[in-house]
Amino acid sequence: MNRLTTLTGDILPSSEGTLVYFASYLARTVRHGTIKTYLAAVRNIHIISGYKDPLRGRFLLKEILRGILRYQGSPRIRRQPVTPGVLLAIRPILHSWPGPRDFSMIWAAFTLAFFAFLRCSEFTYPGAHSFSSKFNLTTKCVTFFPGLACPQCLLVTRKSSKTDSFRAGQSLIVARCPSLLCPVTAMQQYFLLAKPRSGPLFFFRLGHYLTRSSVTHLLRDSARSAGLPHESLKGHSFQIGAASAAVAAGLPDWLIKVLGRWSCDSYQIYIRTPESVLLSAIPKMASVSGSFL
């Protein structure tokens, strides 16, 4: 233990030997990524206490972490995409389960998530009874044009996301398409059937909200019942599938980045996308058939 403390017996500031021992000890039970998170916490404690960054210039620690990563490996989970084919296959399964009202909600959520390239956190809620009007989708976030009776498109206001750190918000255009997958028709049927009041947009008949875990369970259970691969289906599978379908539909790279709100090649955000181009994207995506590896 003498090597883990300073000459005065204090643990701070930590020596490189202390950090190496700490990382090596953690490697017995946790993964490389978790070790780096713990070390980031150690760094934060040092800075708050008025010490220098203990991780800077630690060559030996860097090599130890590199060795841990090589020893543990870096398992990569290949997430399955939710594609038009998957949605069409699970639709009758979902329709037979929860009743018309809850099915209309689930189907509206699933089709919106797919065609609007939504991340799971952008259309689900943090808990079954946890909701924030500042961050989460509400009924006021959805506007039908020209109206609910015969909508041709939706305007969905996305309040926040991981790519919108300052919560500036963004309006997404979602167009009608001649398909069972039409997100506009699905949302219209949900509003007409459930008549959701002011508050959370997606909630079940008994009052609990649509959460990340409920989306995962619904996806996997319905895919299993439909005889499809299901083990790695998650909420993020909608965005993966939407991007895959967009590429298969022949949409240009710049339009896919705009639709998915990706910041890669950030110059793309300066392109002003005509509304007519955005409205033409969803019908093209809905026509994609076949499976994706």
C-alpha atoms as a PDB file:
ATOM      1  CA  MET A   1       0.000   0.000   0.000  1.00  0.00           C
ATOM      2  CA  ASN A   2       2.941   2.361   0.441  1.00  0.00           C
ATOM      3  CA  ARG A   3       3.164   2.738  -3.329  1.00  0.00           C
ATOM      4  CA  LEU A   4      -0.470   3.865  -3.475  1.00  0.00           C
ATOM      5  CA  THR A   5       0.010   6.894  -1.234  1.00  0.00           C
ATOM      6  CA  THR A   6       2.214   9.969  -1.116  1.00  0.00           C
ATOM      7  CA  LEU A   7       4.986  10.441   1.432  1.00  0.00           C
ATOM      8  CA  THR A   8       2.476  12.142   3.727  1.00  0.00           C
ATOM      9  CA  GLY A   9       0.060   9.220   3.477  1.00  0.00           C
ATOM     10  CA  ASP A  10      -2.476  11.018   1.242  1.00  0.00           C
ATOM     11  CA  ILE A  11      -4.137   9.243  -1.678  1.00  0.00           C
ATOM     12  CA  LEU A  12      -4.315  12.514  -3.640  1.00  0.00           C
ATOM     13  CA  PRO A  13      -2.701  13.391  -5.883  1.00  0.00           C
ATOM     14  CA  SER A  14      -2.583   9.863  -7.275  1.00  0.00           C
ATOM     15  CA  SER A  15       0.674   8.564  -8.650  1.00  0.00           C
ATOM     16  CA  GLU A  16       0.856   6.679 -11.909  1.00  0.00           C
ATOM     17  CA  GLY A  17       1.470   3.516  -9.897  1.00  0.00           C
ATOM     18  CA  THR A  18      -1.803   4.030  -8.021  1.00  0.00           C
ATOM     19  CA  LEU A  19      -3.700   4.498 -11.272  1.00  0.00           C
ATOM     20  CA  VAL A  20      -2.113   1.416 -12.808  1.00  0.00           C
ATOM     21  CA  TYR A  21      -3.018  -0.683  -9.763  1.00  0.00           C
ATOM     22  CA  PHE A  22      -6.552   0.722  -9.855  1.00  0.00           C
ATOM     23  CA  ALA A  23      -7.053  -0.067 -13.558  1.00  0.00           C
ATOM     24  CA  SER A  24      -5.545  -3.543 -13.182  1.00  0.00           C
ATOM     25  CA  TYR A  25      -7.789  -4.336 -10.233  1.00  0.00           C
ATOM     26  CA  LEU A  26     -10.908  -3.183 -12.095  1.00  0.00           C
ATOM     27  CA  ALA A  27      -9.956  -5.284 -15.133  1.00  0.00           C
ATOM     28  CA  ARG A  28     -10.777  -8.400 -13.119  1.00  0.00           C
ATOM     29  CA  THR A  29     -14.488  -7.608 -13.072  1.00  0.00           C
ATOM     30  CA  VAL A  30     -15.376  -4.800 -15.512  1.00  0.00           C
ATOM     31  CA  ARG A  31     -14.807  -3.935 -19.157  1.00  0.00           C
ATOM     32  CA  HIS A  32     -12.270  -1.536 -20.616  1.00  0.00           C
ATOM     33  CA  GLY A  33     -14.889   1.136 -21.287  1.00  0.00           C
ATOM     34  CA  THR A  34     -16.074   1.068 -17.679  1.00  0.00           C
ATOM     35  CA  ILE A  35     -12.493   1.399 -16.433  1.00  0.00           C
ATOM     36  CA  LYS A  36     -12.059   4.537 -18.526  1.00  0.00           C
ATOM     37  CA  THR A  37     -15.264   5.914 -17.023  1.00  0.00           C
ATOM     38  CA  TYR A  38     -13.945   5.298 -13.511  1.00  0.00           C
ATOM     39  CA  LEU A  39     -10.644   6.954 -14.393  1.00  0.00           C
ATOM     40  CA  ALA A  40     -12.557   9.957 -15.708  1.00  0.00           C
ATOM     41  CA  ALA A  41     -14.202  10.199 -12.278  1.00  0.00           C
ATOM     42  CA  VAL A  42     -10.758  10.070 -10.629  1.00  0.00           C
ATOM     43  CA  ARG A  43      -9.612  12.876 -12.927  1.00  0.00           C
ATOM     44  CA  ASN A  44     -12.667  14.927 -11.977  1.00  0.00           C
ATOM     45  CA  ILE A  45     -11.964  14.476  -8.254  1.00  0.00           C
ATOM     46  CA  HIS A  46      -8.405  15.700  -8.748  1.00  0.00           C
ATOM     47  CA  ILE A  47      -9.438  18.793 -10.668  1.00  0.00           C
ATOM     48  CA  ILE A  48     -12.158  19.670  -8.141  1.00  0.00           C
ATOM     49  CA  SER A  49      -9.591  19.286  -5.357  1.00  0.00           C
ATOM     50  CA  GLY A  50      -7.225  21.697  -7.090  1.00  0.00           C
ATOM     51  CA  TYR A  51      -4.754  19.173  -8.490  1.00  0.00           C
ATOM     52  CA  LYS A  52      -3.549  18.743 -12.061  1.00  0.00           C
ATOM     53  CA  ASP A  53      -4.998  16.230 -14.486  1.00  0.00           C
ATOM     54  CA  PRO A  54      -3.625  12.884 -13.187  1.00  0.00           C
ATOM     55  CA  LEU A  55      -4.127  11.143 -16.548  1.00  0.00           C
ATOM     56  CA  ARG A  56      -2.127  13.510 -18.712  1.00  0.00           C
ATOM     57  CA  GLY A  57       1.249  12.204 -19.842  1.00  0.00           C
ATOM     58  CA  ARG A  58       0.796   8.804 -18.150  1.00  0.00           C
ATOM     59  CA  PHE A  59       2.474   6.626 -20.780  1.00  0.00           C
ATOM     60  CA  LEU A  60       2.538   3.487 -18.632  1.00  0.00           C
ATOM     61  CA  LEU A  61      -1.145   3.849 -17.733  1.00  0.00           C
ATOM     62  CA  LYS A  62      -1.982   4.316 -21.406  1.00  0.00           C
ATOM     63  CA  GLU A  63      -0.157   1.126 -22.310  1.00  0.00           C
ATOM     64  CA  ILE A  64      -1.818  -0.789 -19.461  1.00  0.00           C
ATOM     65  CA  LEU A  65      -5.248   0.312 -20.690  1.00  0.00           C
ATOM     66  CA  ARG A  66      -4.300  -0.680 -24.210  1.00  0.00           C
ATOM     67  CA  GLY A  67      -3.232  -4.103 -22.960  1.00  0.00           C
ATOM     68  CA  ILE A  68      -6.505  -4.532 -21.056  1.00  0.00           C
ATOM     69  CA  LEU A  69      -8.455  -3.732 -24.204  1.00  0.00           C
ATOM     70  CA  ARG A  70      -6.453  -6.237 -26.247  1.00  0.00           C
ATOM     71  CA  TYR A  71      -6.878  -8.899 -23.571  1.00  0.00           C
ATOM     72  CA  GLN A  72     -10.614  -8.384 -23.126  1.00  0.00           C
ATOM     73  CA  GLY A  73     -11.333  -7.764 -26.776  1.00  0.00           C
ATOM     74  CA  SER A  74     -13.894  -5.374 -28.115  1.00  0.00           C
ATOM     75  CA  PRO A  75     -17.134  -7.277 -28.722  1.00  0.00           C
ATOM     76  CA  ARG A  76     -19.300  -5.649 -31.321  1.00  0.00           C
ATOM     77  CA  ILE A  77     -23.026  -6.196 -31.223  1.00  0.00           C
ATOM     78  CA  ARG A  78     -24.459  -5.930 -34.710  1.00  0.00           C
ATOM     79  CA  ARG A  79     -27.868  -4.388 -34.201  1.00  0.00           C
ATOM     80  CA  GLN A  80     -30.651  -5.526 -36.493  1.00  0.00           C
ATOM     81  CA  PRO A  81     -32.376  -2.869 -38.570  1.00  0.00           C
ATOM     82  CA  VAL A  82     -36.125  -2.414 -38.550  1.00  0.00           C
ATOM     83  CA  THR A  83     -36.920  -2.344 -42.266  1.00  0.00           C
ATOM     84  CA  PRO A  84     -40.193  -1.972 -44.184  1.00  0.00           C
ATOM     85  CA  GLY A  85     -40.287  -5.770 -44.455  1.00  0.00           C
ATOM     86  CA  VAL A  86     -39.919  -6.183 -40.690  1.00  0.00           C
ATOM     87  CA  LEU A  87     -42.645  -3.622 -40.020  1.00  0.00           C
ATOM     88  CA  LEU A  88     -45.057  -5.324 -42.430  1.00  0.00           C
ATOM     89  CA  ALA A  89     -44.309  -8.718 -40.846  1.00  0.00           C
ATOM     90  CA  ILE A  90     -44.896  -7.612 -37.247  1.00  0.00           C
ATOM     91  CA  ARG A  91     -47.952  -5.464 -37.989  1.00  0.00           C
ATOM     92  CA  PRO A  92     -50.537  -8.291 -37.837  1.00  0.00           C
ATOM     93  CA  ILE A  93     -48.853  -9.655 -34.700  1.00  0.00           C
ATOM     94  CA  LEU A  94     -49.072  -6.293 -32.949  1.00  0.00           C
ATOM     95  CA  HIS A  95     -52.650  -5.829 -34.171  1.00  0.00           C
ATOM     96  CA  SER A  96     -53.720  -9.058 -32.486  1.00  0.00           C
ATOM     97  CA  TRP A  97     -52.206  -8.274 -29.074  1.00  0.00           C
ATOM     98  CA  PRO A  98     -53.121  -5.112 -27.176  1.00  0.00           C
ATOM     99  CA  GLY A  99     -56.491  -4.057 -28.602  1.00  0.00           C
ATOM    100  CA  PRO A 100     -57.317  -1.407 -31.242  1.00  0.00           C
ATOM    101  CA  ARG A 101     -56.487   1.639 -29.126  1.00  0.00           C
ATOM    102  CA  ASP A 102     -53.042   0.532 -27.960  1.00  0.00           C
ATOM    103  CA  PHE A 103     -52.220  -0.942 -31.362  1.00  0.00           C
ATOM    104  CA  SER A 104     -52.928   2.407 -32.999  1.00  0.00           C
ATOM    105  CA  MET A 105     -50.532   4.064 -30.538  1.00  0.00           C
ATOM    106  CA  ILE A 106     -47.770   1.498 -31.032  1.00  0.00           C
ATOM    107  CA  TRP A 107     -48.106   1.574 -34.813  1.00  0.00           C
ATOM    108  CA  ALA A 108     -48.077   5.367 -34.907  1.00  0.00           C
ATOM    109  CA  ALA A 109     -44.930   5.388 -32.750  1.00  0.00           C
ATOM    110  CA  PHE A 110     -43.165   2.701 -34.789  1.00  0.00           C
ATOM    111  CA  THR A 111     -43.901   4.209 -38.208  1.00  0.00           C
ATOM    112  CA  LEU A 112     -43.001   7.702 -37.020  1.00  0.00           C
ATOM    113  CA  ALA A 113     -39.743   6.425 -35.510  1.00  0.00           C
ATOM    114  CA  PHE A 114     -38.839   4.737 -38.789  1.00  0.00           C
ATOM    115  CA  PHE A 115     -39.745   7.416 -41.311  1.00  0.00           C
ATOM    116  CA  ALA A 116     -38.556  10.333 -39.157  1.00  0.00           C
ATOM    117  CA  PHE A 117     -35.208   8.585 -38.440  1.00  0.00           C
ATOM    118  CA  LEU A 118     -35.845   8.980 -34.707  1.00  0.00           C
ATOM    119  CA  ARG A 119     -33.460   7.807 -32.023  1.00  0.00           C
ATOM    120  CA  CYS A 120     -35.201   5.823 -29.296  1.00  0.00           C
ATOM    121  CA  SER A 121     -34.890   8.635 -26.754  1.00  0.00           C
ATOM    122  CA  GLU A 122     -36.661  10.990 -29.159  1.00  0.00           C
ATOM    123  CA  PHE A 123     -40.004   9.189 -29.118  1.00  0.00           C
ATOM    124  CA  THR A 124     -40.000   7.276 -25.813  1.00  0.00           C
ATOM    125  CA  TYR A 125     -40.204   8.408 -22.199  1.00  0.00           C
ATOM    126  CA  PRO A 126     -37.739   7.905 -19.335  1.00  0.00           C
ATOM    127  CA  GLY A 127     -40.218   5.937 -17.233  1.00  0.00           C
ATOM    128  CA  ALA A 128     -43.725   4.487 -17.319  1.00  0.00           C
ATOM    129  CA  HIS A 129     -44.903   7.475 -15.285  1.00  0.00           C
ATOM    130  CA  SER A 130     -42.012   9.859 -15.923  1.00  0.00           C
ATOM    131  CA  PHE A 131     -42.473  12.681 -18.401  1.00  0.00           C
ATOM    132  CA  SER A 132     -41.082  16.154 -19.045  1.00  0.00           C
ATOM    133  CA  SER A 133     -42.817  18.578 -21.372  1.00  0.00           C
ATOM    134  CA  LYS A 134     -39.442  20.271 -21.954  1.00  0.00           C
ATOM    135  CA  PHE A 135     -37.761  17.184 -23.405  1.00  0.00           C
ATOM    136  CA  ASN A 136     -40.361  14.606 -24.468  1.00  0.00           C
ATOM    137  CA  LEU A 137     -42.866  14.457 -27.305  1.00  0.00           C
ATOM    138  CA  THR A 138     -46.322  15.817 -26.497  1.00  0.00           C
ATOM    139  CA  THR A 139     -49.544  15.937 -28.485  1.00  0.00           C
ATOM    140  CA  LYS A 140     -48.772  19.577 -29.272  1.00  0.00           C
ATOM    141  CA  CYS A 141     -45.617  18.450 -31.063  1.00  0.00           C
ATOM    142  CA  VAL A 142     -47.696  16.975 -33.893  1.00  0.00           C
ATOM    143  CA  THR A 143     -49.512  19.140 -36.447  1.00  0.00           C
ATOM    144  CA  PHE A 144     -51.573  17.696 -39.324  1.00  0.00           C
ATOM    145  CA  PHE A 145     -51.572  19.522 -42.679  1.00  0.00           C
ATOM    146  CA  PRO A 146     -53.965  20.637 -43.968  1.00  0.00           C
ATOM    147  CA  GLY A 147     -55.928  19.103 -41.078  1.00  0.00           C
ATOM    148  CA  LEU A 148     -56.724  15.943 -39.123  1.00  0.00           C
ATOM    149  CA  ALA A 149     -59.642  15.019 -41.412  1.00  0.00           C
ATOM    150  CA  CYS A 150     -57.484  14.541 -44.506  1.00  0.00           C
ATOM    151  CA  PRO A 151     -53.802  15.092 -43.725  1.00  0.00           C
ATOM    152  CA  GLN A 152     -51.157  15.038 -46.435  1.00  0.00           C
ATOM    153  CA  CYS A 153     -48.214  15.414 -44.095  1.00  0.00           C
ATOM    154  CA  LEU A 154     -47.216  15.872 -40.464  1.00  0.00           C
ATOM    155  CA  LEU A 155     -45.070  18.525 -38.876  1.00  0.00           C
ATOM    156  CA  VAL A 156     -43.374  16.978 -35.836  1.00  0.00           C
ATOM    157  CA  THR A 157     -41.507  19.240 -33.432  1.00  0.00           C
ATOM    158  CA  ARG A 158     -38.577  17.401 -31.914  1.00  0.00           C
ATOM    159  CA  LYS A 159     -37.751  19.097 -28.615  1.00  0.00           C
ATOM    160  CA  SER A 160     -34.360  17.618 -27.811  1.00  0.00           C
ATOM    161  CA  SER A 161     -31.905  14.900 -28.735  1.00  0.00           C
ATOM    162  CA  LYS A 162     -28.304  13.921 -28.173  1.00  0.00           C
ATOM    163  CA  THR A 163     -27.330  15.961 -31.254  1.00  0.00           C
ATOM    164  CA  ASP A 164     -29.194  19.013 -29.941  1.00  0.00           C
ATOM    165  CA  SER A 165     -27.307  19.797 -26.747  1.00  0.00           C
ATOM    166  CA  PHE A 166     -28.889  23.227 -26.302  1.00  0.00           C
ATOM    167  CA  ARG A 167     -32.449  22.016 -27.001  1.00  0.00           C
ATOM    168  CA  ALA A 168     -33.019  24.422 -29.866  1.00  0.00           C
ATOM    169  CA  GLY A 169     -35.624  22.039 -31.237  1.00  0.00           C
ATOM    170  CA  GLN A 170     -36.295  21.063 -34.829  1.00  0.00           C
ATOM    171  CA  SER A 171     -39.359  20.591 -37.023  1.00  0.00           C
ATOM    172  CA  LEU A 172     -39.538  17.397 -39.067  1.00  0.00           C
ATOM    173  CA  ILE A 173     -41.726  16.963 -42.140  1.00  0.00           C
ATOM    174  CA  VAL A 174     -43.311  13.526 -42.477  1.00  0.00           C
ATOM    175  CA  ALA A 175     -45.222  12.829 -45.697  1.00  0.00           C
ATOM    176  CA  ARG A 176     -48.126  10.543 -46.530  1.00  0.00           C
ATOM    177  CA  CYS A 177     -47.374   7.498 -48.665  1.00  0.00           C
ATOM    178  CA  PRO A 178     -49.627   4.901 -50.360  1.00  0.00           C
ATOM    179  CA  SER A 179     -48.695   2.032 -48.060  1.00  0.00           C
ATOM    180  CA  LEU A 180     -49.757   0.188 -44.907  1.00  0.00           C
ATOM    181  CA  LEU A 181     -46.641   1.755 -43.451  1.00  0.00           C
ATOM    182  CA  CYS A 182     -47.863   5.322 -43.941  1.00  0.00           C
ATOM    183  CA  PRO A 183     -46.900   7.244 -40.798  1.00  0.00           C
ATOM    184  CA  VAL A 184     -49.403  10.021 -41.483  1.00  0.00           C
ATOM    185  CA  THR A 185     -52.331   7.601 -41.688  1.00  0.00           C
ATOM    186  CA  ALA A 186     -51.095   5.765 -38.587  1.00  0.00           C
ATOM    187  CA  MET A 187     -50.904   8.984 -36.583  1.00  0.00           C
ATOM    188  CA  GLN A 188     -54.291  10.121 -37.867  1.00  0.00           C
ATOM    189  CA  GLN A 189     -55.921   6.845 -36.804  1.00  0.00           C
ATOM    190  CA  TYR A 190     -54.273   7.090 -33.395  1.00  0.00           C
ATOM    191  CA  PHE A 191     -55.576  10.617 -32.827  1.00  0.00           C
ATOM    192  CA  LEU A 192     -59.074   9.708 -34.037  1.00  0.00           C
ATOM    193  CA  LEU A 193     -59.266   6.533 -31.972  1.00  0.00           C
ATOM    194  CA  ALA A 194     -57.451   7.476 -28.770  1.00  0.00           C
ATOM    195  CA  LYS A 195     -58.151  11.221 -28.804  1.00  0.00           C
ATOM    196  CA  PRO A 196     -54.998  11.943 -26.781  1.00  0.00           C
ATOM    197  CA  ARG A 197     -55.290  15.028 -24.609  1.00  0.00           C
ATOM    198  CA  SER A 198     -52.635  17.603 -23.924  1.00  0.00           C
ATOM    199  CA  GLY A 199     -49.640  15.799 -22.484  1.00  0.00           C
ATOM    200  CA  PRO A 200     -47.427  12.874 -23.540  1.00  0.00           C
ATOM    201  CA  LEU A 201     -47.952  11.793 -27.139  1.00  0.00           C
ATOM    202  CA  PHE A 202     -47.504   8.045 -26.742  1.00  0.00           C
ATOM    203  CA  PHE A 203     -49.165   6.282 -23.813  1.00  0.00           C
ATOM    204  CA  PHE A 204     -51.082   3.062 -23.269  1.00  0.00           C
ATOM    205  CA  ARG A 205     -54.768   2.783 -22.424  1.00  0.00           C
ATOM    206  CA  LEU A 206     -53.969   2.163 -18.745  1.00  0.00           C
ATOM    207  CA  GLY A 207     -51.986   5.396 -18.585  1.00  0.00           C
ATOM    208  CA  HIS A 208     -48.332   4.327 -18.586  1.00  0.00           C
ATOM    209  CA  TYR A 209     -46.019   5.856 -21.160  1.00  0.00           C
ATOM    210  CA  LEU A 210     -44.127   4.231 -24.008  1.00  0.00           C
ATOM    211  CA  THR A 211     -40.613   3.566 -22.692  1.00  0.00           C
ATOM    212  CA  ARG A 212     -37.405   2.316 -24.262  1.00  0.00           C
ATOM    213  CA  SER A 213     -37.818  -1.086 -22.608  1.00  0.00           C
ATOM    214  CA  SER A 214     -41.436  -1.470 -23.768  1.00  0.00           C
ATOM    215  CA  VAL A 215     -40.376  -0.676 -27.348  1.00  0.00           C
ATOM    216  CA  THR A 216     -37.617  -3.301 -27.164  1.00  0.00           C
ATOM    217  CA  HIS A 217     -39.977  -5.932 -25.740  1.00  0.00           C
ATOM    218  CA  LEU A 218     -42.669  -5.202 -28.324  1.00  0.00           C
ATOM    219  CA  LEU A 219     -40.150  -5.350 -31.166  1.00  0.00           C
ATOM    220  CA  ARG A 220     -38.485  -8.567 -30.061  1.00  0.00           C
ATOM    221  CA  ASP A 221     -41.673 -10.393 -29.065  1.00  0.00           C
ATOM    222  CA  SER A 222     -43.519  -9.526 -32.274  1.00  0.00           C
ATOM    223  CA  ALA A 223     -40.495 -10.367 -34.439  1.00  0.00           C
ATOM    224  CA  ARG A 224     -40.116 -13.706 -32.636  1.00  0.00           C
ATOM    225  CA  SER A 225     -43.797 -14.472 -33.219  1.00  0.00           C
ATOM    226  CA  ALA A 226     -43.379 -13.576 -36.890  1.00  0.00           C
ATOM    227  CA  GLY A 227     -40.454 -15.984 -37.189  1.00  0.00           C
ATOM    228  CA  LEU A 228     -37.865 -13.245 -37.685  1.00  0.00           C
ATOM    229  CA  PRO A 229     -34.451 -12.763 -36.060  1.00  0.00           C
ATOM    230  CA  HIS A 230     -35.068 -10.749 -32.922  1.00  0.00           C
ATOM    231  CA  GLU A 231     -32.157 -11.019 -30.448  1.00  0.00           C
ATOM    232  CA  SER A 232     -30.503  -7.708 -31.315  1.00  0.00           C
ATOM    233  CA  LEU A 233     -33.575  -5.621 -32.119  1.00  0.00           C
ATOM    234  CA  LYS A 234     -33.630  -2.427 -30.070  1.00  0.00           C
ATOM    235  CA  GLY A 235     -35.138   1.023 -30.183  1.00  0.00           C
ATOM    236  CA  HIS A 236     -32.191   2.285 -32.217  1.00  0.00           C
ATOM    237  CA  SER A 237     -33.021  -0.314 -34.882  1.00  0.00           C
ATOM    238  CA  PHE A 238     -35.575   2.097 -36.391  1.00  0.00           C
ATOM    239  CA  GLN A 239     -32.951   4.669 -37.328  1.00  0.00           C
ATOM    240  CA  ILE A 240     -30.586   1.991 -38.614  1.00  0.00           C
ATOM    241  CA  GLY A 241     -33.365   0.525 -40.747  1.00  0.00           C
ATOM    242  CA  ALA A 242     -34.455   3.923 -42.012  1.00  0.00           C
ATOM    243  CA  ALA A 243     -30.922   4.717 -43.186  1.00  0.00           C
ATOM    244  CA  SER A 244     -30.628   1.293 -44.827  1.00  0.00           C
ATOM    245  CA  ALA A 245     -33.974   1.697 -46.604  1.00  0.00           C
ATOM    246  CA  ALA A 246     -33.066   5.194 -47.732  1.00  0.00           C
ATOM    247  CA  VAL A 247     -29.856   3.927 -49.331  1.00  0.00           C
ATOM    248  CA  ALA A 248     -31.744   1.049 -50.978  1.00  0.00           C
ATOM    249  CA  ALA A 249     -34.306   3.540 -52.280  1.00  0.00           C
ATOM    250  CA  GLY A 250     -31.515   5.457 -53.999  1.00  0.00           C
ATOM    251  CA  LEU A 251     -31.743   8.612 -51.919  1.00  0.00           C
ATOM    252  CA  PRO A 252     -28.562  10.708 -52.201  1.00  0.00           C
ATOM    253  CA  ASP A 253     -26.131  10.801 -49.283  1.00  0.00           C
ATOM    254  CA  TRP A 254     -26.761  14.449 -48.511  1.00  0.00           C
ATOM    255  CA  LEU A 255     -30.525  13.865 -48.226  1.00  0.00           C
ATOM    256  CA  ILE A 256     -30.048  10.875 -45.930  1.00  0.00           C
ATOM    257  CA  LYS A 257     -27.868  13.007 -43.664  1.00  0.00           C
ATOM    258  CA  VAL A 258     -30.503  15.744 -43.635  1.00  0.00           C
ATOM    259  CA  LEU A 259     -33.318  13.293 -42.893  1.00  0.00           C
ATOM    260  CA  GLY A 260     -31.314  11.602 -40.144  1.00  0.00           C
ATOM    261  CA  ARG A 261     -29.911  14.886 -38.816  1.00  0.00           C
ATOM    262  CA  TRP A 262     -26.364  13.520 -38.833  1.00  0.00           C
ATOM    263  CA  SER A 263     -23.564  16.021 -38.371  1.00  0.00           C
ATOM    264  CA  CYS A 264     -20.926  13.999 -40.209  1.00  0.00           C
ATOM    265  CA  ASP A 265     -19.505  16.099 -43.053  1.00  0.00           C
ATOM    266  CA  SER A 266     -20.905  19.106 -41.243  1.00  0.00           C
ATOM    267  CA  TYR A 267     -20.918  21.250 -44.361  1.00  0.00           C
ATOM    268  CA  GLN A 268     -24.017  19.344 -45.364  1.00  0.00           C
ATOM    269  CA  ILE A 269     -26.061  21.254 -42.787  1.00  0.00           C
ATOM    270  CA  TYR A 270     -25.690  24.371 -44.912  1.00  0.00           C
ATOM    271  CA  ILE A 271     -27.575  22.763 -47.791  1.00  0.00           C
ATOM    272  CA  ARG A 272     -31.100  24.124 -47.940  1.00  0.00           C
ATOM    273  CA  THR A 273     -33.335  21.187 -48.730  1.00  0.00           C
ATOM    274  CA  PRO A 274     -36.483  21.967 -50.763  1.00  0.00           C
ATOM    275  CA  GLU A 275     -39.682  20.852 -49.045  1.00  0.00           C
ATOM    276  CA  SER A 276     -40.714  18.983 -52.209  1.00  0.00           C
ATOM    277  CA  VAL A 277     -37.591  16.803 -51.899  1.00  0.00           C
ATOM    278  CA  LEU A 278     -38.304  16.008 -48.239  1.00  0.00           C
ATOM    279  CA  LEU A 279     -41.921  15.126 -49.036  1.00  0.00           C
ATOM    280  CA  SER A 280     -40.840  12.757 -51.828  1.00  0.00           C
ATOM    281  CA  ALA A 281     -38.461  10.746 -49.614  1.00  0.00           C
ATOM    282  CA  ILE A 282     -40.959   8.708 -47.553  1.00  0.00           C
ATOM    283  CA  PRO A 283     -42.969   7.262 -50.488  1.00  0.00           C
ATOM    284  CA  LYS A 284     -39.680   6.084 -52.016  1.00  0.00           C
ATOM    285  CA  MET A 285     -38.561   4.475 -48.738  1.00  0.00           C
ATOM    286  CA  ALA A 286     -41.902   2.715 -48.259  1.00  0.00           C
ATOM    287  CA  SER A 287     -41.545   0.984 -51.619  1.00  0.00           C
ATOM    288  CA  VAL A 288     -38.352  -0.820 -50.607  1.00  0.00           C
ATOM    289  CA  SER A 289     -38.715  -4.586 -50.371  1.00  0.00           C
ATOM    290  CA  GLY A 290     -36.373  -7.384 -49.406  1.00  0.00           C
ATOM    291  CA  SER A 291     -34.242  -8.057 -46.358  1.00  0.00           C
ATOM    292  CA  PHE A 292     -31.056  -6.472 -45.082  1.00  0.00           C
ATOM    293  CA  LEU A 293     -28.081  -8.399 -43.765  1.00  0.00           C
END
